[in-house]
Amino acid sequence: MMTDIIADSLTRIRNAAQRRLDVTTLLHSKMIEAIVSILVDKGYLESFKVKTDGAKKTIKVVLKYDENGHSVINEIKKISKPGRRVYQSANEIRSFKNGYGTLVVSTNKGVIANDEAFKQKVGGEVICSIW
């Protein structure tokens, strides 16, 4: 039984990028869909589509590569884990990797990127980092 669906999804994306696959499939949840949507908006992934097969939903993710064939994702890492939750205030969340990276934050306004959380002056649980 899987206990952390977010970590599983991030690992699937990381592994697919290392193997230079075009597409990977993730298990569906609203949180995963929100995280993938942020990664598409920030330019780390090409696109995604929610597929329904009866009662089971999956997310098909198209990965993005540069002109040399290298993945645009250098590192994708889960920050807050089931055994250790990590929270940051709006002031601490300002910048990650001098603006080259993105933190995905779960706030009371929804799942948003760190720059948007700083603009809205909200903090929350740091889900993952990507650069």
C-alpha atoms as a PDB file:
ATOM      1  CA  MET A   1       0.000   0.000   0.000  1.00  0.00           C
ATOM      2  CA  MET A   2       1.284   3.443  -0.912  1.00  0.00           C
ATOM      3  CA  THR A   3       1.337   6.007   1.900  1.00  0.00           C
ATOM      4  CA  ASP A   4       2.579   9.082   0.028  1.00  0.00           C
ATOM      5  CA  ILE A   5       1.028   9.565  -3.406  1.00  0.00           C
ATOM      6  CA  ILE A   6       2.799  12.916  -3.912  1.00  0.00           C
ATOM      7  CA  ALA A   7       6.264  11.395  -3.390  1.00  0.00           C
ATOM      8  CA  ASP A   8       5.329   8.586  -5.780  1.00  0.00           C
ATOM      9  CA  SER A   9       4.265  11.090  -8.462  1.00  0.00           C
ATOM     10  CA  LEU A  10       7.433  13.169  -8.097  1.00  0.00           C
ATOM     11  CA  THR A  11       9.539   9.996  -8.329  1.00  0.00           C
ATOM     12  CA  ARG A  12       7.710   8.915 -11.496  1.00  0.00           C
ATOM     13  CA  ILE A  13       8.409  12.320 -13.086  1.00  0.00           C
ATOM     14  CA  ARG A  14      12.080  12.217 -11.991  1.00  0.00           C
ATOM     15  CA  ASN A  15      12.593   8.673 -13.298  1.00  0.00           C
ATOM     16  CA  ALA A  16      10.884   9.420 -16.621  1.00  0.00           C
ATOM     17  CA  ALA A  17      13.069  12.510 -17.094  1.00  0.00           C
ATOM     18  CA  GLN A  18      16.242  10.525 -16.371  1.00  0.00           C
ATOM     19  CA  ARG A  19      15.223   7.884 -18.924  1.00  0.00           C
ATOM     20  CA  ARG A  20      14.287  10.642 -21.428  1.00  0.00           C
ATOM     21  CA  LEU A  21      10.727   9.375 -21.826  1.00  0.00           C
ATOM     22  CA  ASP A  22       8.196  11.591 -23.573  1.00  0.00           C
ATOM     23  CA  VAL A  23       5.192  10.683 -21.402  1.00  0.00           C
ATOM     24  CA  THR A  24       4.585   9.287 -17.932  1.00  0.00           C
ATOM     25  CA  THR A  25       1.404   8.372 -16.070  1.00  0.00           C
ATOM     26  CA  LEU A  26       0.585   9.444 -12.504  1.00  0.00           C
ATOM     27  CA  LEU A  27      -2.162   8.394 -10.131  1.00  0.00           C
ATOM     28  CA  HIS A  28      -4.859  11.045  -9.833  1.00  0.00           C
ATOM     29  CA  SER A  29      -5.742  13.236  -6.875  1.00  0.00           C
ATOM     30  CA  LYS A  30      -6.734  16.891  -6.694  1.00  0.00           C
ATOM     31  CA  MET A  31      -3.411  17.712  -4.997  1.00  0.00           C
ATOM     32  CA  ILE A  32      -1.369  15.956  -7.713  1.00  0.00           C
ATOM     33  CA  GLU A  33      -3.393  17.716 -10.408  1.00  0.00           C
ATOM     34  CA  ALA A  34      -2.721  21.102  -8.758  1.00  0.00           C
ATOM     35  CA  ILE A  35       1.027  20.389  -8.447  1.00  0.00           C
ATOM     36  CA  VAL A  36       1.304  19.257 -12.078  1.00  0.00           C
ATOM     37  CA  SER A  37      -0.644  22.337 -13.177  1.00  0.00           C
ATOM     38  CA  ILE A  38       1.899  24.574 -11.397  1.00  0.00           C
ATOM     39  CA  LEU A  39       4.794  22.687 -13.013  1.00  0.00           C
ATOM     40  CA  VAL A  40       3.223  23.198 -16.452  1.00  0.00           C
ATOM     41  CA  ASP A  41       2.637  26.919 -15.761  1.00  0.00           C
ATOM     42  CA  LYS A  42       6.266  27.377 -14.645  1.00  0.00           C
ATOM     43  CA  GLY A  43       7.590  25.595 -17.742  1.00  0.00           C
ATOM     44  CA  TYR A  44       8.987  22.419 -16.167  1.00  0.00           C
ATOM     45  CA  LEU A  45       6.488  20.147 -17.955  1.00  0.00           C
ATOM     46  CA  GLU A  46       5.019  20.417 -21.447  1.00  0.00           C
ATOM     47  CA  SER A  47       1.392  19.518 -20.668  1.00  0.00           C
ATOM     48  CA  PHE A  48      -0.896  17.133 -18.819  1.00  0.00           C
ATOM     49  CA  LYS A  49      -4.269  15.504 -19.334  1.00  0.00           C
ATOM     50  CA  VAL A  50      -6.598  13.734 -16.916  1.00  0.00           C
ATOM     51  CA  LYS A  51      -7.688  10.348 -18.268  1.00  0.00           C
ATOM     52  CA  THR A  52     -10.741   8.516 -16.939  1.00  0.00           C
ATOM     53  CA  ASP A  53     -10.996   4.737 -17.207  1.00  0.00           C
ATOM     54  CA  GLY A  54     -14.256   3.818 -15.516  1.00  0.00           C
ATOM     55  CA  ALA A  55     -13.933   4.801 -11.864  1.00  0.00           C
ATOM     56  CA  LYS A  56     -10.144   5.084 -12.060  1.00  0.00           C
ATOM     57  CA  LYS A  57      -8.474   8.382 -13.023  1.00  0.00           C
ATOM     58  CA  THR A  58      -4.880   8.919 -14.084  1.00  0.00           C
ATOM     59  CA  ILE A  59      -2.863  11.946 -15.176  1.00  0.00           C
ATOM     60  CA  LYS A  60      -0.840  11.661 -18.375  1.00  0.00           C
ATOM     61  CA  VAL A  61       2.133  14.054 -18.199  1.00  0.00           C
ATOM     62  CA  VAL A  62       4.207  15.126 -21.217  1.00  0.00           C
ATOM     63  CA  LEU A  63       7.777  15.952 -20.161  1.00  0.00           C
ATOM     64  CA  LYS A  64       9.772  18.881 -21.520  1.00  0.00           C
ATOM     65  CA  TYR A  65      13.329  18.813 -22.876  1.00  0.00           C
ATOM     66  CA  ASP A  66      15.672  21.542 -24.146  1.00  0.00           C
ATOM     67  CA  GLU A  67      17.167  21.708 -27.645  1.00  0.00           C
ATOM     68  CA  ASN A  68      20.050  19.395 -26.600  1.00  0.00           C
ATOM     69  CA  GLY A  69      17.681  16.696 -25.370  1.00  0.00           C
ATOM     70  CA  HIS A  70      18.316  17.340 -21.662  1.00  0.00           C
ATOM     71  CA  SER A  71      15.409  17.564 -19.245  1.00  0.00           C
ATOM     72  CA  VAL A  72      14.528  21.074 -18.057  1.00  0.00           C
ATOM     73  CA  ILE A  73      14.108  19.563 -14.575  1.00  0.00           C
ATOM     74  CA  ASN A  74      17.459  19.531 -12.758  1.00  0.00           C
ATOM     75  CA  GLU A  75      16.047  18.373  -9.432  1.00  0.00           C
ATOM     76  CA  ILE A  76      12.581  17.639  -8.086  1.00  0.00           C
ATOM     77  CA  LYS A  77      12.355  16.840  -4.402  1.00  0.00           C
ATOM     78  CA  LYS A  78       9.665  16.287  -1.769  1.00  0.00           C
ATOM     79  CA  ILE A  79      10.172  18.643   1.180  1.00  0.00           C
ATOM     80  CA  SER A  80       7.291  17.968   3.565  1.00  0.00           C
ATOM     81  CA  LYS A  81       6.994  14.268   4.371  1.00  0.00           C
ATOM     82  CA  PRO A  82       4.423  12.276   6.363  1.00  0.00           C
ATOM     83  CA  GLY A  83       6.860  11.950   9.280  1.00  0.00           C
ATOM     84  CA  ARG A  84       8.052  15.560   9.193  1.00  0.00           C
ATOM     85  CA  ARG A  85       5.846  18.375   7.945  1.00  0.00           C
ATOM     86  CA  VAL A  86       7.598  21.599   6.926  1.00  0.00           C
ATOM     87  CA  TYR A  87       5.802  24.931   7.208  1.00  0.00           C
ATOM     88  CA  GLN A  88       7.035  28.381   6.204  1.00  0.00           C
ATOM     89  CA  SER A  89       5.607  31.832   6.751  1.00  0.00           C
ATOM     90  CA  ALA A  90       5.078  34.316   3.922  1.00  0.00           C
ATOM     91  CA  ASN A  91       8.391  36.055   4.703  1.00  0.00           C
ATOM     92  CA  GLU A  92      10.442  32.822   4.588  1.00  0.00           C
ATOM     93  CA  ILE A  93       8.905  31.666   1.308  1.00  0.00           C
ATOM     94  CA  ARG A  94      10.083  34.574  -0.852  1.00  0.00           C
ATOM     95  CA  SER A  95      12.699  33.029  -3.139  1.00  0.00           C
ATOM     96  CA  PHE A  96      14.153  29.613  -3.897  1.00  0.00           C
ATOM     97  CA  LYS A  97      17.498  29.131  -5.714  1.00  0.00           C
ATOM     98  CA  ASN A  98      17.661  32.907  -6.353  1.00  0.00           C
ATOM     99  CA  GLY A  99      14.502  32.772  -8.443  1.00  0.00           C
ATOM    100  CA  TYR A 100      15.647  29.864 -10.645  1.00  0.00           C
ATOM    101  CA  GLY A 101      13.612  27.317  -8.693  1.00  0.00           C
ATOM    102  CA  THR A 102      10.061  26.947  -7.497  1.00  0.00           C
ATOM    103  CA  LEU A 103       8.530  25.786  -4.233  1.00  0.00           C
ATOM    104  CA  VAL A 104       5.018  24.345  -4.313  1.00  0.00           C
ATOM    105  CA  VAL A 105       3.114  25.434  -1.200  1.00  0.00           C
ATOM    106  CA  SER A 106      -0.210  24.246   0.179  1.00  0.00           C
ATOM    107  CA  THR A 107      -1.932  27.304   1.675  1.00  0.00           C
ATOM    108  CA  ASN A 108      -5.417  28.213   2.807  1.00  0.00           C
ATOM    109  CA  LYS A 109      -5.830  29.779  -0.682  1.00  0.00           C
ATOM    110  CA  GLY A 110      -5.030  26.456  -2.386  1.00  0.00           C
ATOM    111  CA  VAL A 111      -1.885  24.870  -3.793  1.00  0.00           C
ATOM    112  CA  ILE A 112       0.250  27.668  -5.276  1.00  0.00           C
ATOM    113  CA  ALA A 113       3.859  28.465  -6.199  1.00  0.00           C
ATOM    114  CA  ASN A 114       6.144  30.326  -3.789  1.00  0.00           C
ATOM    115  CA  ASP A 115       6.162  33.603  -5.737  1.00  0.00           C
ATOM    116  CA  GLU A 116       2.361  33.695  -5.756  1.00  0.00           C
ATOM    117  CA  ALA A 117       2.271  32.860  -2.022  1.00  0.00           C
ATOM    118  CA  PHE A 118       4.645  35.777  -1.344  1.00  0.00           C
ATOM    119  CA  LYS A 119       2.453  38.156  -3.394  1.00  0.00           C
ATOM    120  CA  GLN A 120      -0.652  37.040  -1.500  1.00  0.00           C
ATOM    121  CA  LYS A 121       1.261  37.212   1.822  1.00  0.00           C
ATOM    122  CA  VAL A 122       0.346  33.679   2.882  1.00  0.00           C
ATOM    123  CA  GLY A 123       2.472  30.843   4.202  1.00  0.00           C
ATOM    124  CA  GLY A 124       1.786  27.153   4.440  1.00  0.00           C
ATOM    125  CA  GLU A 125       3.114  23.648   4.069  1.00  0.00           C
ATOM    126  CA  VAL A 126       5.992  23.341   1.579  1.00  0.00           C
ATOM    127  CA  ILE A 127       5.132  20.322  -0.565  1.00  0.00           C
ATOM    128  CA  CYS A 128       8.091  20.091  -2.965  1.00  0.00           C
ATOM    129  CA  SER A 129      10.879  22.000  -4.679  1.00  0.00           C
ATOM    130  CA  ILE A 130      11.890  21.978  -8.328  1.00  0.00           C
ATOM    131  CA  TRP A 131      14.592  23.683 -10.342  1.00  0.00           C
END
